[in-house]
Amino acid sequence: MPPTIIVTGSAGQAAAKHLRSSVTRNEAITLYRDILRTAKAFHWCDEKGIPWHSKLRAEARKEFEAGKEERDPLLIARMLVTGRECVQEVQRKFNDADRKCWERIQRDSMNRDGGGDGRAPGRNGN
């Protein structure tokens, strides 16, 4: 929540509006950068051979360009909150899937190595 500035007159309203718009602009830039960082993790390709990170970056750019001309503060705030929630949800799901993959790799490695004690299977250690 941006700080509340109490200044009387039209100059005060203009200053408060400028502060809100710069805070909103910074939030939008931060969200956009987070989307680009998250998209980097999607390095595989779709059915047509196009990398997902490229598609996600292009879609994010299109969405931000479409919202660039919006002036309604309530709608802007809603778009920012929705965008932030979506990015966090994608990051959470991606991290969960990544963790499960690593757990599966470790489990398979332990099974292949005969229990993970560092010895080859079938050897008694002598």
Protein backbone atom coordinates (compact mmCIF):
# COMPACT_ATOMS: atom_id res chain seq x y z
CA MET A 1 0.00 0.00 0.00
CA PRO A 2 1.52 3.35 -1.00
CA PRO A 3 1.96 5.98 1.70
CA THR A 4 -0.84 8.46 2.22
CA ILE A 5 0.12 12.06 1.52
CA ILE A 6 -2.09 14.80 2.88
CA VAL A 7 -1.53 18.07 1.08
CA THR A 8 -4.27 20.58 0.38
CA GLY A 9 -4.95 22.14 -2.98
CA SER A 10 -4.50 21.02 -6.56
CA ALA A 11 -0.70 20.87 -6.25
CA GLY A 12 -1.08 18.31 -3.47
CA GLN A 13 -3.46 16.24 -5.57
CA ALA A 14 -1.04 16.33 -8.50
CA ALA A 15 1.86 15.25 -6.25
CA ALA A 16 -0.18 12.40 -4.76
CA LYS A 17 -1.27 11.27 -8.24
CA HIS A 18 2.34 11.33 -9.45
CA LEU A 19 3.48 9.28 -6.45
CA ARG A 20 0.73 6.71 -7.00
CA SER A 21 1.50 6.45 -10.70
CA SER A 22 5.25 6.03 -10.11
CA VAL A 23 4.58 3.36 -7.46
CA THR A 24 2.21 1.59 -9.85
CA ARG A 25 4.75 1.87 -12.65
CA ASN A 26 7.47 0.36 -10.44
CA GLU A 27 5.14 -2.46 -9.41
CA ALA A 28 4.35 -3.18 -13.06
CA ILE A 29 8.04 -3.19 -14.01
CA THR A 30 8.86 -5.51 -11.10
CA LEU A 31 6.04 -7.85 -12.09
CA TYR A 32 7.18 -7.86 -15.73
CA ARG A 33 10.76 -8.68 -14.72
CA ASP A 34 9.52 -11.49 -12.45
CA ILE A 35 7.54 -12.92 -15.36
CA LEU A 36 10.62 -12.83 -17.59
CA ARG A 37 12.75 -14.49 -14.89
CA THR A 38 10.13 -17.19 -14.38
CA ALA A 39 9.81 -17.77 -18.13
CA LYS A 40 13.54 -18.57 -18.33
CA ALA A 41 12.87 -21.82 -16.45
CA PHE A 42 10.65 -23.11 -19.26
CA HIS A 43 13.41 -24.19 -21.63
CA TRP A 44 11.61 -27.01 -23.46
CA CYS A 45 9.73 -26.62 -26.74
CA ASP A 46 6.09 -27.00 -27.74
CA GLU A 47 4.79 -29.32 -30.50
CA LYS A 48 5.94 -26.90 -33.19
CA GLY A 49 9.47 -26.66 -31.80
CA ILE A 50 9.05 -23.15 -30.40
CA PRO A 51 10.67 -22.72 -26.95
CA TRP A 52 8.09 -22.06 -24.24
CA HIS A 53 10.13 -19.25 -22.73
CA SER A 54 9.86 -17.34 -26.01
CA LYS A 55 6.11 -17.84 -26.16
CA LEU A 56 5.69 -16.78 -22.51
CA ARG A 57 7.81 -13.67 -23.00
CA ALA A 58 5.84 -12.66 -26.10
CA GLU A 59 2.52 -13.21 -24.32
CA ALA A 60 3.66 -11.18 -21.30
CA ARG A 61 4.77 -8.36 -23.59
CA LYS A 62 1.41 -8.41 -25.37
CA GLU A 63 -0.50 -8.28 -22.07
CA PHE A 64 1.58 -5.41 -20.70
CA GLU A 65 1.27 -3.46 -23.95
CA ALA A 66 -2.51 -3.93 -23.84
CA GLY A 67 -2.69 -2.68 -20.24
CA LYS A 68 -0.33 0.23 -20.83
CA GLU A 69 -3.08 2.68 -21.75
CA GLU A 70 -5.35 1.80 -18.82
CA ARG A 71 -6.01 4.79 -16.52
CA ASP A 72 -8.53 3.38 -14.01
CA PRO A 73 -6.52 2.90 -10.77
CA LEU A 74 -8.82 0.14 -9.54
CA LEU A 75 -8.48 -1.84 -12.76
CA ILE A 76 -4.71 -1.32 -12.79
CA ALA A 77 -4.45 -2.56 -9.21
CA ARG A 78 -6.60 -5.59 -10.08
CA MET A 79 -4.38 -6.42 -13.07
CA LEU A 80 -1.23 -6.13 -10.94
CA VAL A 81 -2.64 -8.30 -8.15
CA THR A 82 -3.90 -10.92 -10.60
CA GLY A 83 -0.58 -10.95 -12.44
CA ARG A 84 1.40 -11.30 -9.20
CA GLU A 85 -0.83 -14.17 -8.02
CA CYS A 86 -0.46 -15.97 -11.36
CA VAL A 87 3.33 -15.66 -11.34
CA GLN A 88 3.53 -16.92 -7.76
CA GLU A 89 1.25 -19.86 -8.57
CA VAL A 90 3.34 -20.81 -11.62
CA GLN A 91 6.54 -20.53 -9.58
CA ARG A 92 5.07 -22.67 -6.79
CA LYS A 93 3.90 -25.37 -9.19
CA PHE A 94 7.18 -25.35 -11.07
CA ASN A 95 9.18 -25.63 -7.83
CA ASP A 96 6.95 -28.47 -6.60
CA ALA A 97 7.40 -30.37 -9.87
CA ASP A 98 11.15 -29.74 -9.81
CA ARG A 99 11.40 -30.98 -6.21
CA LYS A 100 9.43 -34.13 -7.08
CA CYS A 101 11.74 -34.81 -10.04
CA TRP A 102 14.82 -34.52 -7.85
CA GLU A 103 13.27 -36.78 -5.22
CA ARG A 104 12.51 -39.35 -7.93
CA ILE A 105 16.08 -39.14 -9.24
CA GLN A 106 17.48 -39.66 -5.75
CA ARG A 107 15.08 -42.56 -5.08
CA ASP A 108 15.96 -44.22 -8.40
CA SER A 109 19.68 -43.72 -7.75
CA MET A 110 19.39 -45.34 -4.34
CA ASN A 111 17.45 -48.29 -5.79
CA ARG A 112 19.97 -48.71 -8.59
CA ASP A 113 22.94 -48.52 -6.21
CA GLY A 114 21.50 -51.13 -3.88
CA GLY A 115 20.20 -49.00 -1.07
CA GLY A 116 22.48 -46.02 -1.30
CA ASP A 117 25.22 -47.33 1.01
CA GLY A 118 27.88 -46.65 -1.63
CA ARG A 119 28.59 -50.34 -2.35
CA ALA A 120 27.82 -52.19 -5.52
CA PRO A 121 24.76 -54.46 -5.30
CA GLY A 122 25.45 -58.04 -4.26
CA ARG A 123 28.76 -57.34 -2.54
CA ASN A 124 29.29 -58.04 1.14
CA GLY A 125 31.93 -55.38 1.75
CA ASN A 126 34.93 -57.80 2.13
